Amino acid sequence: MAEHLIGPAAEFPPGTHRVVRVRSLEVGVFNVAGRYYALPNVCTHQFGPLCEGTVNGTTACDAATGWRFAWVREGEIVTCPWHGLEFDITTGRCLANPRVRLRSYPVTVEDGQVKLIL
C-alpha cells in the first residue's frame, strides 16, 4: 500500500468532496463532519460516475423518527447521478441493498495534507 498526496486539508472543508485520479483509479474523497472517506468513482448499478453525484441525506421511517418519514443523515449519502442509487459515504453500503458495499480507501491527514492510501 502506498500513500498518495491529494492536497491541502484546507481544500476539503467539512461537507465537501472531490474526485481525484490516482494512477488509473478515480476516487471520491469526502469530508463528512471533519472525517475523511474515500470511495471508488464507480456505481455498482451500471458503472456510472458515483462520486460526481450530489451529497445529501436520505429519508427514514423508524422508531428513531417516531415512525414518521424524516430527513436524516444529511451530508452522509452520495447519490449516483445516472439512476439515483444512494450509498452511505461512511460505510460504502448501498441504501437500497445493504448487501452491496463499495470498497473504501483509508484517508489520513498529516501536516495539513490529505493523503489517500492505496
PDB file of N, CA and C in Angstrom:
ATOM      1  N   MET A   1       0.844  -1.179   0.000  1.00  0.00           N
ATOM      2  CA  MET A   1       0.000   0.000   0.000  1.00  0.00           C
ATOM      3  C   MET A   1       0.888   1.240   0.000  1.00  0.00           C
ATOM      4  N   ALA A   2       0.460   2.227  -0.758  1.00  0.00           N
ATOM      5  CA  ALA A   2       1.249   3.449  -0.869  1.00  0.00           C
ATOM      6  C   ALA A   2       0.378   4.658  -0.570  1.00  0.00           C
ATOM      7  N   GLU A   3       0.993   5.680   0.003  1.00  0.00           N
ATOM      8  CA  GLU A   3       0.302   6.940   0.259  1.00  0.00           C
ATOM      9  C   GLU A   3       0.399   7.830  -0.966  1.00  0.00           C
ATOM     10  N   HIS A   4      -0.707   8.518  -1.264  1.00  0.00           N
ATOM     11  CA  HIS A   4      -0.748   9.440  -2.392  1.00  0.00           C
ATOM     12  C   HIS A   4      -1.242  10.789  -1.884  1.00  0.00           C
ATOM     13  N   LEU A   5      -0.445  11.813  -2.081  1.00  0.00           N
ATOM     14  CA  LEU A   5      -0.803  13.165  -1.650  1.00  0.00           C
ATOM     15  C   LEU A   5      -1.941  13.675  -2.519  1.00  0.00           C
ATOM     16  N   ILE A   6      -3.035  14.085  -1.880  1.00  0.00           N
ATOM     17  CA  ILE A   6      -4.217  14.571  -2.599  1.00  0.00           C
ATOM     18  C   ILE A   6      -4.264  16.098  -2.620  1.00  0.00           C
ATOM     19  N   GLY A   7      -3.863  16.721  -1.526  1.00  0.00           N
ATOM     20  CA  GLY A   7      -3.859  18.176  -1.464  1.00  0.00           C
ATOM     21  C   GLY A   7      -3.993  18.675  -0.042  1.00  0.00           C
ATOM     22  N   PRO A   8      -3.959  19.989   0.135  1.00  0.00           N
ATOM     23  CA  PRO A   8      -4.091  20.571   1.469  1.00  0.00           C
ATOM     24  C   PRO A   8      -5.478  20.301   2.070  1.00  0.00           C
ATOM     25  N   ALA A   9      -5.513  20.031   3.349  1.00  0.00           N
ATOM     26  CA  ALA A   9      -6.777  19.791   4.040  1.00  0.00           C
ATOM     27  C   ALA A   9      -7.696  21.010   3.932  1.00  0.00           C
ATOM     28  N   ALA A  10      -7.127  22.191   3.804  1.00  0.00           N
ATOM     29  CA  ALA A  10      -7.928  23.416   3.663  1.00  0.00           C
ATOM     30  C   ALA A  10      -8.792  23.381   2.411  1.00  0.00           C
ATOM     31  N   GLU A  11      -8.406  22.575   1.413  1.00  0.00           N
ATOM     32  CA  GLU A  11      -9.199  22.448   0.188  1.00  0.00           C
ATOM     33  C   GLU A  11     -10.352  21.462   0.337  1.00  0.00           C
ATOM     34  N   PHE A  12     -10.457  20.832   1.496  1.00  0.00           N
ATOM     35  CA  PHE A  12     -11.518  19.857   1.778  1.00  0.00           C
ATOM     36  C   PHE A  12     -12.262  20.231   3.057  1.00  0.00           C
ATOM     37  N   PRO A  13     -12.916  21.381   3.094  1.00  0.00           N
ATOM     38  CA  PRO A  13     -13.656  21.731   4.316  1.00  0.00           C
ATOM     39  C   PRO A  13     -14.808  20.752   4.533  1.00  0.00           C
ATOM     40  N   PRO A  14     -15.305  20.638   5.762  1.00  0.00           N
ATOM     41  CA  PRO A  14     -16.434  19.734   6.032  1.00  0.00           C
ATOM     42  C   PRO A  14     -17.588  19.993   5.071  1.00  0.00           C
ATOM     43  N   GLY A  15     -18.166  18.892   4.583  1.00  0.00           N
ATOM     44  CA  GLY A  15     -19.297  18.990   3.665  1.00  0.00           C
ATOM     45  C   GLY A  15     -18.911  19.042   2.203  1.00  0.00           C
ATOM     46  N   THR A  16     -17.626  18.897   1.895  1.00  0.00           N
ATOM     47  CA  THR A  16     -17.194  18.946   0.500  1.00  0.00           C
ATOM     48  C   THR A  16     -16.631  17.594   0.072  1.00  0.00           C
ATOM     49  N   HIS A  17     -16.508  17.450  -1.230  1.00  0.00           N
ATOM     50  CA  HIS A  17     -15.846  16.271  -1.779  1.00  0.00           C
ATOM     51  C   HIS A  17     -15.261  16.612  -3.136  1.00  0.00           C
ATOM     52  N   ARG A  18     -14.361  15.751  -3.577  1.00  0.00           N
ATOM     53  CA  ARG A  18     -13.700  15.961  -4.858  1.00  0.00           C
ATOM     54  C   ARG A  18     -13.296  14.608  -5.423  1.00  0.00           C
ATOM     55  N   VAL A  19     -13.382  14.473  -6.727  1.00  0.00           N
ATOM     56  CA  VAL A  19     -12.937  13.264  -7.401  1.00  0.00           C
ATOM     57  C   VAL A  19     -11.491  13.483  -7.832  1.00  0.00           C
ATOM     58  N   VAL A  20     -10.625  12.534  -7.464  1.00  0.00           N
ATOM     59  CA  VAL A  20      -9.212  12.618  -7.815  1.00  0.00           C
ATOM     60  C   VAL A  20      -8.816  11.359  -8.581  1.00  0.00           C
ATOM     61  N   ARG A  21      -7.779  11.474  -9.358  1.00  0.00           N
ATOM     62  CA  ARG A  21      -7.256  10.318 -10.099  1.00  0.00           C
ATOM     63  C   ARG A  21      -5.903   9.954  -9.491  1.00  0.00           C
ATOM     64  N   VAL A  22      -5.787   8.694  -9.106  1.00  0.00           N
ATOM     65  CA  VAL A  22      -4.525   8.160  -8.610  1.00  0.00           C
ATOM     66  C   VAL A  22      -4.207   6.949  -9.467  1.00  0.00           C
ATOM     67  N   ARG A  23      -3.107   7.047 -10.183  1.00  0.00           N
ATOM     68  CA  ARG A  23      -2.758   6.047 -11.206  1.00  0.00           C
ATOM     69  C   ARG A  23      -3.938   5.936 -12.167  1.00  0.00           C
ATOM     70  N   SER A  24      -4.513   4.767 -12.333  1.00  0.00           N
ATOM     71  CA  SER A  24      -5.644   4.618 -13.268  1.00  0.00           C
ATOM     72  C   SER A  24      -6.982   4.579 -12.554  1.00  0.00           C
ATOM     73  N   LEU A  25      -7.010   4.938 -11.285  1.00  0.00           N
ATOM     74  CA  LEU A  25      -8.217   4.838 -10.469  1.00  0.00           C
ATOM     75  C   LEU A  25      -8.779   6.222 -10.142  1.00  0.00           C
ATOM     76  N   GLU A  26     -10.094   6.410 -10.345  1.00  0.00           N
ATOM     77  CA  GLU A  26     -10.763   7.636  -9.899  1.00  0.00           C
ATOM     78  C   GLU A  26     -11.425   7.347  -8.558  1.00  0.00           C
ATOM     79  N   VAL A  27     -11.187   8.240  -7.606  1.00  0.00           N
ATOM     80  CA  VAL A  27     -11.671   8.062  -6.242  1.00  0.00           C
ATOM     81  C   VAL A  27     -12.325   9.350  -5.776  1.00  0.00           C
ATOM     82  N   GLY A  28     -13.466   9.233  -5.114  1.00  0.00           N
ATOM     83  CA  GLY A  28     -14.102  10.376  -4.485  1.00  0.00           C
ATOM     84  C   GLY A  28     -13.608  10.503  -3.060  1.00  0.00           C
ATOM     85  N   VAL A  29     -13.078  11.668  -2.705  1.00  0.00           N
ATOM     86  CA  VAL A  29     -12.608  11.931  -1.345  1.00  0.00           C
ATOM     87  C   VAL A  29     -13.607  12.888  -0.709  1.00  0.00           C
ATOM     88  N   PHE A  30     -14.180  12.483   0.422  1.00  0.00           N
ATOM     89  CA  PHE A  30     -15.258  13.210   1.089  1.00  0.00           C
ATOM     90  C   PHE A  30     -14.826  13.638   2.484  1.00  0.00           C
ATOM     91  N   ASN A  31     -15.234  14.841   2.884  1.00  0.00           N
ATOM     92  CA  ASN A  31     -15.079  15.286   4.264  1.00  0.00           C
ATOM     93  C   ASN A  31     -16.480  15.359   4.847  1.00  0.00           C
ATOM     94  N   VAL A  32     -16.794  14.403   5.702  1.00  0.00           N
ATOM     95  CA  VAL A  32     -18.102  14.341   6.357  1.00  0.00           C
ATOM     96  C   VAL A  32     -17.901  14.730   7.820  1.00  0.00           C
ATOM     97  N   ALA A  33     -18.298  15.940   8.160  1.00  0.00           N
ATOM     98  CA  ALA A  33     -18.209  16.449   9.533  1.00  0.00           C
ATOM     99  C   ALA A  33     -16.798  16.315  10.113  1.00  0.00           C
ATOM    100  N   GLY A  34     -15.786  16.596   9.276  1.00  0.00           N
ATOM    101  CA  GLY A  34     -14.416  16.575   9.751  1.00  0.00           C
ATOM    102  C   GLY A  34     -13.710  15.234   9.631  1.00  0.00           C
ATOM    103  N   ARG A  35     -14.412  14.202   9.192  1.00  0.00           N
ATOM    104  CA  ARG A  35     -13.797  12.889   8.982  1.00  0.00           C
ATOM    105  C   ARG A  35     -13.719  12.632   7.479  1.00  0.00           C
ATOM    106  N   TYR A  36     -12.618  12.041   7.060  1.00  0.00           N
ATOM    107  CA  TYR A  36     -12.387  11.824   5.639  1.00  0.00           C
ATOM    108  C   TYR A  36     -12.686  10.383   5.230  1.00  0.00           C
ATOM    109  N   TYR A  37     -13.284  10.252   4.042  1.00  0.00           N
ATOM    110  CA  TYR A  37     -13.638   8.947   3.482  1.00  0.00           C
ATOM    111  C   TYR A  37     -13.306   8.971   1.999  1.00  0.00           C
ATOM    112  N   ALA A  38     -13.042   7.794   1.443  1.00  0.00           N
ATOM    113  CA  ALA A  38     -12.766   7.702   0.008  1.00  0.00           C
ATOM    114  C   ALA A  38     -13.458   6.464  -0.556  1.00  0.00           C
ATOM    115  N   LEU A  39     -14.153   6.672  -1.682  1.00  0.00           N
ATOM    116  CA  LEU A  39     -14.877   5.606  -2.372  1.00  0.00           C
ATOM    117  C   LEU A  39     -14.503   5.618  -3.846  1.00  0.00           C
ATOM    118  N   PRO A  40     -14.578   4.474  -4.515  1.00  0.00           N
ATOM    119  CA  PRO A  40     -14.325   4.471  -5.958  1.00  0.00           C
ATOM    120  C   PRO A  40     -15.406   5.264  -6.686  1.00  0.00           C
ATOM    121  N   ASN A  41     -15.030   5.913  -7.749  1.00  0.00           N
ATOM    122  CA  ASN A  41     -15.972   6.724  -8.524  1.00  0.00           C
ATOM    123  C   ASN A  41     -16.712   5.848  -9.540  1.00  0.00           C
ATOM    124  N   VAL A  42     -17.266   4.745  -9.071  1.00  0.00           N
ATOM    125  CA  VAL A  42     -17.976   3.811  -9.944  1.00  0.00           C
ATOM    126  C   VAL A  42     -19.182   3.261  -9.191  1.00  0.00           C
ATOM    127  N   CYS A  43     -20.366   3.483  -9.754  1.00  0.00           N
ATOM    128  CA  CYS A  43     -21.591   2.936  -9.172  1.00  0.00           C
ATOM    129  C   CYS A  43     -21.698   1.453  -9.534  1.00  0.00           C
ATOM    130  N   THR A  44     -22.196   0.660  -8.621  1.00  0.00           N
ATOM    131  CA  THR A  44     -22.337  -0.779  -8.859  1.00  0.00           C
ATOM    132  C   THR A  44     -23.471  -1.109  -9.811  1.00  0.00           C
ATOM    133  N   HIS A  45     -24.361  -0.171 -10.080  1.00  0.00           N
ATOM    134  CA  HIS A  45     -25.522  -0.448 -10.926  1.00  0.00           C
ATOM    135  C   HIS A  45     -25.133  -0.582 -12.398  1.00  0.00           C
ATOM    136  N   GLN A  46     -24.684   0.509 -13.004  1.00  0.00           N
ATOM    137  CA  GLN A  46     -24.258   0.464 -14.403  1.00  0.00           C
ATOM    138  C   GLN A  46     -22.960   1.242 -14.611  1.00  0.00           C
ATOM    139  N   PHE A  47     -22.146   1.239 -13.576  1.00  0.00           N
ATOM    140  CA  PHE A  47     -20.795   1.808 -13.620  1.00  0.00           C
ATOM    141  C   PHE A  47     -20.776   3.310 -13.881  1.00  0.00           C
ATOM    142  N   GLY A  48     -21.809   4.010 -13.427  1.00  0.00           N
ATOM    143  CA  GLY A  48     -21.861   5.463 -13.550  1.00  0.00           C
ATOM    144  C   GLY A  48     -20.851   6.131 -12.630  1.00  0.00           C
ATOM    145  N   PRO A  49     -20.611   7.434 -12.823  1.00  0.00           N
ATOM    146  CA  PRO A  49     -19.636   8.192 -12.029  1.00  0.00           C
ATOM    147  C   PRO A  49     -20.212   8.583 -10.667  1.00  0.00           C
ATOM    148  N   LEU A  50     -20.309   7.618  -9.780  1.00  0.00           N
ATOM    149  CA  LEU A  50     -20.982   7.784  -8.484  1.00  0.00           C
ATOM    150  C   LEU A  50     -20.565   9.043  -7.733  1.00  0.00           C
ATOM    151  N   CYS A  51     -19.280   9.266  -7.578  1.00  0.00           N
ATOM    152  CA  CYS A  51     -18.799  10.353  -6.728  1.00  0.00           C
ATOM    153  C   CYS A  51     -18.955  11.732  -7.351  1.00  0.00           C
ATOM    154  N   GLU A  52     -19.431  11.785  -8.587  1.00  0.00           N
ATOM    155  CA  GLU A  52     -19.758  13.065  -9.197  1.00  0.00           C
ATOM    156  C   GLU A  52     -21.201  13.458  -8.877  1.00  0.00           C
ATOM    157  N   GLY A  53     -21.904  12.597  -8.163  1.00  0.00           N
ATOM    158  CA  GLY A  53     -23.279  12.864  -7.774  1.00  0.00           C
ATOM    159  C   GLY A  53     -23.364  13.814  -6.591  1.00  0.00           C
ATOM    160  N   THR A  54     -24.587  14.098  -6.181  1.00  0.00           N
ATOM    161  CA  THR A  54     -24.805  15.010  -5.066  1.00  0.00           C
ATOM    162  C   THR A  54     -24.632  14.297  -3.731  1.00  0.00           C
ATOM    163  N   VAL A  55     -24.278  15.080  -2.731  1.00  0.00           N
ATOM    164  CA  VAL A  55     -24.170  14.577  -1.364  1.00  0.00           C
ATOM    165  C   VAL A  55     -25.278  15.226  -0.571  1.00  0.00           C
ATOM    166  N   ASN A  56     -26.135  14.405   0.002  1.00  0.00           N
ATOM    167  CA  ASN A  56     -27.272  14.874   0.782  1.00  0.00           C
ATOM    168  C   ASN A  56     -27.491  13.946   1.958  1.00  0.00           C
ATOM    169  N   GLY A  57     -28.739  13.856   2.366  1.00  0.00           N
ATOM    170  CA  GLY A  57     -29.160  12.889   3.358  1.00  0.00           C
ATOM    171  C   GLY A  57     -30.117  11.925   2.686  1.00  0.00           C
ATOM    172  N   THR A  58     -30.969  11.321   3.487  1.00  0.00           N
ATOM    173  CA  THR A  58     -31.969  10.398   2.949  1.00  0.00           C
ATOM    174  C   THR A  58     -33.177  10.416   3.871  1.00  0.00           C
ATOM    175  N   THR A  59     -34.225   9.735   3.470  1.00  0.00           N
ATOM    176  CA  THR A  59     -35.401   9.651   4.326  1.00  0.00           C
ATOM    177  C   THR A  59     -35.364   8.354   5.124  1.00  0.00           C
ATOM    178  N   ALA A  60     -35.967   8.397   6.295  1.00  0.00           N
ATOM    179  CA  ALA A  60     -36.082   7.214   7.139  1.00  0.00           C
ATOM    180  C   ALA A  60     -37.444   7.245   7.822  1.00  0.00           C
ATOM    181  N   CYS A  61     -37.930   6.078   8.132  1.00  0.00           N
ATOM    182  CA  CYS A  61     -39.174   5.936   8.885  1.00  0.00           C
ATOM    183  C   CYS A  61     -38.968   4.748   9.824  1.00  0.00           C
ATOM    184  N   ASP A  62     -38.631   5.074  11.073  1.00  0.00           N
ATOM    185  CA  ASP A  62     -38.348   4.010  12.035  1.00  0.00           C
ATOM    186  C   ASP A  62     -38.647   4.511  13.444  1.00  0.00           C
ATOM    187  N   ALA A  63     -38.302   3.716  14.429  1.00  0.00           N
ATOM    188  CA  ALA A  63     -38.587   4.100  15.822  1.00  0.00           C
ATOM    189  C   ALA A  63     -37.912   5.425  16.184  1.00  0.00           C
ATOM    190  N   ALA A  64     -36.711   5.656  15.652  1.00  0.00           N
ATOM    191  CA  ALA A  64     -35.985   6.893  15.964  1.00  0.00           C
ATOM    192  C   ALA A  64     -36.701   8.137  15.442  1.00  0.00           C
ATOM    193  N   THR A  65     -37.516   7.983  14.395  1.00  0.00           N
ATOM    194  CA  THR A  65     -38.252   9.124  13.833  1.00  0.00           C
ATOM    195  C   THR A  65     -39.713   9.119  14.272  1.00  0.00           C
ATOM    196  N   GLY A  66     -40.054   8.258  15.237  1.00  0.00           N
ATOM    197  CA  GLY A  66     -41.443   8.165  15.691  1.00  0.00           C
ATOM    198  C   GLY A  66     -42.343   7.551  14.626  1.00  0.00           C
ATOM    199  N   TRP A  67     -41.758   6.724  13.778  1.00  0.00           N
ATOM    200  CA  TRP A  67     -42.467   6.056  12.686  1.00  0.00           C
ATOM    201  C   TRP A  67     -43.096   7.053  11.714  1.00  0.00           C
ATOM    202  N   ARG A  68     -42.451   8.186  11.575  1.00  0.00           N
ATOM    203  CA  ARG A  68     -42.828   9.184  10.576  1.00  0.00           C
ATOM    204  C   ARG A  68     -41.634   9.388   9.658  1.00  0.00           C
ATOM    205  N   PHE A  69     -41.918   9.656   8.400  1.00  0.00           N
ATOM    206  CA  PHE A  69     -40.822   9.913   7.472  1.00  0.00           C
ATOM    207  C   PHE A  69     -40.094  11.184   7.897  1.00  0.00           C
ATOM    208  N   ALA A  70     -38.779  11.094   7.902  1.00  0.00           N
ATOM    209  CA  ALA A  70     -37.951  12.233   8.289  1.00  0.00           C
ATOM    210  C   ALA A  70     -36.688  12.251   7.431  1.00  0.00           C
ATOM    211  N   TRP A  71     -36.158  13.440   7.233  1.00  0.00           N
ATOM    212  CA  TRP A  71     -34.894  13.606   6.522  1.00  0.00           C
ATOM    213  C   TRP A  71     -33.779  13.389   7.536  1.00  0.00           C
ATOM    214  N   VAL A  72     -32.870  12.454   7.248  1.00  0.00           N
ATOM    215  CA  VAL A  72     -31.814  12.094   8.194  1.00  0.00           C
ATOM    216  C   VAL A  72     -30.466  11.997   7.487  1.00  0.00           C
ATOM    217  N   ARG A  73     -29.394  11.960   8.277  1.00  0.00           N
ATOM    218  CA  ARG A  73     -28.035  11.694   7.802  1.00  0.00           C
ATOM    219  C   ARG A  73     -27.546  12.692   6.748  1.00  0.00           C
ATOM    220  N   GLU A  74     -27.923  13.936   6.917  1.00  0.00           N
ATOM    221  CA  GLU A  74     -27.501  14.992   5.990  1.00  0.00           C
ATOM    222  C   GLU A  74     -25.983  14.984   5.838  1.00  0.00           C
ATOM    223  N   GLY A  75     -25.511  15.005   4.582  1.00  0.00           N
ATOM    224  CA  GLY A  75     -24.094  15.043   4.285  1.00  0.00           C
ATOM    225  C   GLY A  75     -23.391  13.707   4.299  1.00  0.00           C
ATOM    226  N   GLU A  76     -24.135  12.609   4.524  1.00  0.00           N
ATOM    227  CA  GLU A  76     -23.513  11.280   4.611  1.00  0.00           C
ATOM    228  C   GLU A  76     -23.861  10.359   3.449  1.00  0.00           C
ATOM    229  N   ILE A  77     -24.690  10.819   2.519  1.00  0.00           N
ATOM    230  CA  ILE A  77     -25.177   9.964   1.438  1.00  0.00           C
ATOM    231  C   ILE A  77     -24.801  10.567   0.090  1.00  0.00           C
ATOM    232  N   VAL A  78     -24.187   9.765  -0.775  1.00  0.00           N
ATOM    233  CA  VAL A  78     -23.884  10.202  -2.143  1.00  0.00           C
ATOM    234  C   VAL A  78     -24.863   9.487  -3.072  1.00  0.00           C
ATOM    235  N   THR A  79     -25.419  10.246  -4.021  1.00  0.00           N
ATOM    236  CA  THR A  79     -26.412   9.720  -4.953  1.00  0.00           C
ATOM    237  C   THR A  79     -25.818   9.680  -6.357  1.00  0.00           C
ATOM    238  N   CYS A  80     -25.875   8.518  -6.985  1.00  0.00           N
ATOM    239  CA  CYS A  80     -25.352   8.377  -8.333  1.00  0.00           C
ATOM    240  C   CYS A  80     -26.141   9.275  -9.288  1.00  0.00           C
ATOM    241  N   PRO A  81     -25.451  10.069 -10.098  1.00  0.00           N
ATOM    242  CA  PRO A  81     -26.150  10.987 -10.999  1.00  0.00           C
ATOM    243  C   PRO A  81     -26.865  10.286 -12.159  1.00  0.00           C
ATOM    244  N   TRP A  82     -26.552   9.029 -12.416  1.00  0.00           N
ATOM    245  CA  TRP A  82     -27.195   8.344 -13.538  1.00  0.00           C
ATOM    246  C   TRP A  82     -28.576   7.819 -13.194  1.00  0.00           C
ATOM    247  N   HIS A  83     -28.720   7.105 -12.099  1.00  0.00           N
ATOM    248  CA  HIS A  83     -30.007   6.460 -11.798  1.00  0.00           C
ATOM    249  C   HIS A  83     -30.472   6.635 -10.356  1.00  0.00           C
ATOM    250  N   GLY A  84     -29.762   7.431  -9.574  1.00  0.00           N
ATOM    251  CA  GLY A  84     -30.227   7.781  -8.241  1.00  0.00           C
ATOM    252  C   GLY A  84     -29.956   6.767  -7.150  1.00  0.00           C
ATOM    253  N   LEU A  85     -29.113   5.778  -7.382  1.00  0.00           N
ATOM    254  CA  LEU A  85     -28.785   4.826  -6.334  1.00  0.00           C
ATOM    255  C   LEU A  85     -27.982   5.546  -5.259  1.00  0.00           C
ATOM    256  N   GLU A  86     -28.336   5.317  -3.994  1.00  0.00           N
ATOM    257  CA  GLU A  86     -27.707   6.020  -2.880  1.00  0.00           C
ATOM    258  C   GLU A  86     -26.734   5.102  -2.138  1.00  0.00           C
ATOM    259  N   PHE A  87     -25.600   5.691  -1.727  1.00  0.00           N
ATOM    260  CA  PHE A  87     -24.599   4.962  -0.955  1.00  0.00           C
ATOM    261  C   PHE A  87     -24.213   5.761   0.281  1.00  0.00           C
ATOM    262  N   ASP A  88     -24.000   5.048   1.376  1.00  0.00           N
ATOM    263  CA  ASP A  88     -23.526   5.634   2.620  1.00  0.00           C
ATOM    264  C   ASP A  88     -22.035   5.905   2.466  1.00  0.00           C
ATOM    265  N   ILE A  89     -21.638   7.137   2.544  1.00  0.00           N
ATOM    266  CA  ILE A  89     -20.234   7.514   2.372  1.00  0.00           C
ATOM    267  C   ILE A  89     -19.367   6.901   3.469  1.00  0.00           C
ATOM    268  N   THR A  90     -19.894   6.805   4.678  1.00  0.00           N
ATOM    269  CA  THR A  90     -19.092   6.350   5.817  1.00  0.00           C
ATOM    270  C   THR A  90     -18.840   4.846   5.817  1.00  0.00           C
ATOM    271  N   THR A  91     -19.673   4.076   5.118  1.00  0.00           N
ATOM    272  CA  THR A  91     -19.505   2.625   5.109  1.00  0.00           C
ATOM    273  C   THR A  91     -19.361   2.037   3.708  1.00  0.00           C
ATOM    274  N   GLY A  92     -19.773   2.773   2.695  1.00  0.00           N
ATOM    275  CA  GLY A  92     -19.782   2.262   1.334  1.00  0.00           C
ATOM    276  C   GLY A  92     -20.995   1.413   1.003  1.00  0.00           C
ATOM    277  N   ARG A  93     -21.899   1.234   1.938  1.00  0.00           N
ATOM    278  CA  ARG A  93     -23.067   0.382   1.712  1.00  0.00           C
ATOM    279  C   ARG A  93     -24.137   1.085   0.889  1.00  0.00           C
ATOM    280  N   CYS A  94     -24.778   0.303   0.026  1.00  0.00           N
ATOM    281  CA  CYS A  94     -25.896   0.788  -0.770  1.00  0.00           C
ATOM    282  C   CYS A  94     -27.129   0.842   0.119  1.00  0.00           C
ATOM    283  N   LEU A  95     -27.874   1.944   0.089  1.00  0.00           N
ATOM    284  CA  LEU A  95     -29.060   2.052   0.924  1.00  0.00           C
ATOM    285  C   LEU A  95     -30.187   1.143   0.442  1.00  0.00           C
ATOM    286  N   ALA A  96     -30.314   0.946  -0.863  1.00  0.00           N
ATOM    287  CA  ALA A  96     -31.383   0.110  -1.408  1.00  0.00           C
ATOM    288  C   ALA A  96     -31.122  -1.377  -1.161  1.00  0.00           C
ATOM    289  N   ASN A  97     -29.855  -1.772  -1.116  1.00  0.00           N
ATOM    290  CA  ASN A  97     -29.495  -3.174  -0.913  1.00  0.00           C
ATOM    291  C   ASN A  97     -28.233  -3.218  -0.051  1.00  0.00           C
ATOM    292  N   PRO A  98     -28.362  -3.280   1.269  1.00  0.00           N
ATOM    293  CA  PRO A  98     -27.197  -3.223   2.160  1.00  0.00           C
ATOM    294  C   PRO A  98     -26.185  -4.349   1.960  1.00  0.00           C
ATOM    295  N   ARG A  99     -26.541  -5.392   1.216  1.00  0.00           N
ATOM    296  CA  ARG A  99     -25.567  -6.450   0.924  1.00  0.00           C
ATOM    297  C   ARG A  99     -24.532  -5.975  -0.089  1.00  0.00           C
ATOM    298  N   VAL A 100     -24.862  -4.907  -0.829  1.00  0.00           N
ATOM    299  CA  VAL A 100     -23.929  -4.336  -1.804  1.00  0.00           C
ATOM    300  C   VAL A 100     -23.108  -3.270  -1.088  1.00  0.00           C
ATOM    301  N   ARG A 101     -21.802  -3.434  -1.187  1.00  0.00           N
ATOM    302  CA  ARG A 101     -20.918  -2.498  -0.494  1.00  0.00           C
ATOM    303  C   ARG A 101     -19.733  -2.157  -1.390  1.00  0.00           C
ATOM    304  N   LEU A 102     -19.452  -0.872  -1.489  1.00  0.00           N
ATOM    305  CA  LEU A 102     -18.286  -0.403  -2.229  1.00  0.00           C
ATOM    306  C   LEU A 102     -17.031  -0.567  -1.379  1.00  0.00           C
ATOM    307  N   ARG A 103     -15.941  -0.757  -2.056  1.00  0.00           N
ATOM    308  CA  ARG A 103     -14.661  -0.740  -1.354  1.00  0.00           C
ATOM    309  C   ARG A 103     -14.422   0.686  -0.868  1.00  0.00           C
ATOM    310  N   SER A 104     -13.841   0.827   0.303  1.00  0.00           N
ATOM    311  CA  SER A 104     -13.460   2.164   0.771  1.00  0.00           C
ATOM    312  C   SER A 104     -11.954   2.174   0.981  1.00  0.00           C
ATOM    313  N   TYR A 105     -11.381   3.355   0.887  1.00  0.00           N
ATOM    314  CA  TYR A 105      -9.936   3.507   0.983  1.00  0.00           C
ATOM    315  C   TYR A 105      -9.597   4.386   2.179  1.00  0.00           C
ATOM    316  N   PRO A 106      -8.549   4.053   2.911  1.00  0.00           N
ATOM    317  CA  PRO A 106      -8.148   4.892   4.050  1.00  0.00           C
ATOM    318  C   PRO A 106      -7.653   6.268   3.593  1.00  0.00           C
ATOM    319  N   VAL A 107      -8.007   7.265   4.382  1.00  0.00           N
ATOM    320  CA  VAL A 107      -7.563   8.635   4.131  1.00  0.00           C
ATOM    321  C   VAL A 107      -6.986   9.158   5.441  1.00  0.00           C
ATOM    322  N   THR A 108      -5.831   9.792   5.369  1.00  0.00           N
ATOM    323  CA  THR A 108      -5.223  10.385   6.556  1.00  0.00           C
ATOM    324  C   THR A 108      -4.921  11.852   6.281  1.00  0.00           C
ATOM    325  N   VAL A 109      -4.737  12.597   7.351  1.00  0.00           N
ATOM    326  CA  VAL A 109      -4.291  13.984   7.247  1.00  0.00           C
ATOM    327  C   VAL A 109      -3.030  14.102   8.089  1.00  0.00           C
ATOM    328  N   GLU A 110      -1.928  14.457   7.432  1.00  0.00           N
ATOM    329  CA  GLU A 110      -0.650  14.634   8.111  1.00  0.00           C
ATOM    330  C   GLU A 110      -0.047  15.961   7.691  1.00  0.00           C
ATOM    331  N   ASP A 111       0.351  16.735   8.662  1.00  0.00           N
ATOM    332  CA  ASP A 111       0.957  18.044   8.392  1.00  0.00           C
ATOM    333  C   ASP A 111       0.084  18.898   7.480  1.00  0.00           C
ATOM    334  N   GLY A 112      -1.239  18.818   7.667  1.00  0.00           N
ATOM    335  CA  GLY A 112      -2.171  19.635   6.897  1.00  0.00           C
ATOM    336  C   GLY A 112      -2.405  19.141   5.480  1.00  0.00           C
ATOM    337  N   GLN A 113      -1.919  17.947   5.152  1.00  0.00           N
ATOM    338  CA  GLN A 113      -2.078  17.382   3.807  1.00  0.00           C
ATOM    339  C   GLN A 113      -2.953  16.135   3.856  1.00  0.00           C
ATOM    340  N   VAL A 114      -3.878  16.039   2.910  1.00  0.00           N
ATOM    341  CA  VAL A 114      -4.756  14.870   2.803  1.00  0.00           C
ATOM    342  C   VAL A 114      -4.024  13.821   1.978  1.00  0.00           C
ATOM    343  N   LYS A 115      -3.962  12.605   2.520  1.00  0.00           N
ATOM    344  CA  LYS A 115      -3.284  11.508   1.832  1.00  0.00           C
ATOM    345  C   LYS A 115      -4.236  10.325   1.689  1.00  0.00           C
ATOM    346  N   LEU A 116      -4.241   9.750   0.519  1.00  0.00           N
ATOM    347  CA  LEU A 116      -5.054   8.587   0.197  1.00  0.00           C
ATOM    348  C   LEU A 116      -4.134   7.370   0.182  1.00  0.00           C
ATOM    349  N   ILE A 117      -4.561   6.294   0.834  1.00  0.00           N
ATOM    350  CA  ILE A 117      -3.740   5.100   0.906  1.00  0.00           C
ATOM    351  C   ILE A 117      -4.344   4.039  -0.011  1.00  0.00           C
ATOM    352  N   LEU A 118      -3.566   3.666  -1.029  1.00  0.00           N
ATOM    353  CA  LEU A 118      -3.997   2.638  -1.988  1.00  0.00           C
ATOM    354  C   LEU A 118      -2.975   1.522  -2.032  1.00  0.00           C
TER     355      LEU A 118
END
